[in-house]
Protein backbone atom coordinates (compact mmCIF):
# COMPACT_ATOMS: atom_id res chain seq x y z
CA MET A 1 60.47 -44.65 12.94
CA VAL A 2 60.75 -45.89 9.54
CA HIS A 3 64.77 -45.99 9.33
CA ALA A 4 64.40 -48.10 12.84
CA VAL A 5 61.88 -50.63 11.19
CA GLN A 6 65.30 -50.80 8.56
CA ARG A 7 67.60 -51.08 11.15
CA LYS A 8 65.72 -54.03 12.68
CA HIS A 9 64.84 -55.66 9.77
CA PRO A 10 67.73 -54.90 7.13
CA ASN A 11 67.29 -57.75 4.85
CA THR A 12 63.45 -56.97 4.72
CA PHE A 13 62.83 -53.42 4.38
CA ALA A 14 64.52 -50.40 3.03
CA VAL A 15 64.01 -46.87 2.82
CA ASP A 16 63.74 -44.05 0.31
CA PHE A 17 62.32 -41.11 0.73
CA ARG A 18 60.37 -38.85 -1.98
CA PRO A 19 59.41 -35.26 -1.54
CA ALA A 20 55.66 -35.67 -2.61
CA ALA A 21 56.26 -32.27 -4.48
CA GLU A 22 58.32 -34.22 -7.18
CA HIS A 23 56.43 -37.27 -6.93
CA GLY A 24 52.71 -36.73 -7.65
CA ASP A 25 52.33 -39.02 -9.52
CA GLU A 26 53.02 -41.87 -7.15
CA VAL A 27 51.25 -40.08 -4.19
CA ALA A 28 48.03 -40.10 -6.42
CA ARG A 29 48.62 -43.88 -7.36
CA TYR A 30 48.93 -44.75 -4.00
CA GLY A 31 46.16 -43.20 -2.66
CA LEU A 32 48.39 -41.35 -0.01
CA GLY A 33 46.29 -37.85 -0.38
CA THR A 34 49.25 -35.11 -0.08
CA HIS A 35 51.63 -37.47 1.16
CA GLY A 36 52.56 -40.19 3.43
CA VAL A 37 53.96 -44.02 3.65
CA VAL A 38 53.72 -46.73 1.43
CA CYS A 39 55.41 -50.23 1.87
CA LEU A 40 56.03 -51.94 -1.81
CA GLY A 41 56.90 -55.32 -2.64
CA LEU A 42 59.59 -56.07 -5.28
CA GLU A 43 57.09 -55.77 -8.36
CA ASP A 44 55.29 -53.10 -6.88
CA GLN A 45 52.54 -54.43 -5.26
CA ILE A 46 51.36 -52.42 -2.22
CA PHE A 47 52.08 -54.26 1.11
CA TRP A 48 50.90 -51.38 3.49
CA LYS A 49 50.22 -47.81 3.50
CA HIS A 50 49.44 -44.88 5.56
CA PRO A 51 48.63 -41.28 4.50
CA GLY A 52 49.80 -38.41 6.11
CA HIS A 53 52.22 -37.42 8.90
CA ASP A 54 50.43 -38.07 11.92
CA MET A 55 51.09 -41.86 12.26
CA THR A 56 52.01 -43.12 15.58
CA GLN A 57 54.58 -46.06 16.65
CA GLN A 58 51.48 -48.40 17.24
CA GLU A 59 50.30 -48.01 13.87
CA LEU A 60 53.63 -48.29 12.26
CA ASP A 61 54.38 -51.50 14.61
CA LYS A 62 50.94 -53.06 13.18
CA GLY A 63 51.90 -51.90 9.69
CA VAL A 64 55.26 -53.87 9.79
CA GLU A 65 53.59 -57.11 11.84
CA GLN A 66 50.90 -56.96 8.54
CA ILE A 67 53.77 -56.89 6.10
CA LEU A 68 55.95 -59.62 7.72
CA ALA A 69 53.03 -62.30 8.20
CA ALA A 70 52.14 -61.46 4.40
CA LEU A 71 55.87 -62.30 3.22
CA LYS A 72 55.62 -65.52 5.13
CA LYS A 73 52.72 -66.56 3.67
CA ASN A 74 54.52 -66.16 -0.06
């Protein structure tokens, strides 16, 4: 799902997969529990996050809308 977001908005989103087992400090810092998805700005500010793997397409779409709206305000 997240790759589809990157393809739809190539100049806005980049996807970087990081195994939770190798990046436990980031998982903890972003409050993801044991794993999840986080969308960061250029200065590591959190724009949106979703813990776990049980994210629906609707939840992702809502997160993308929130991020795009926040970027337009800047």
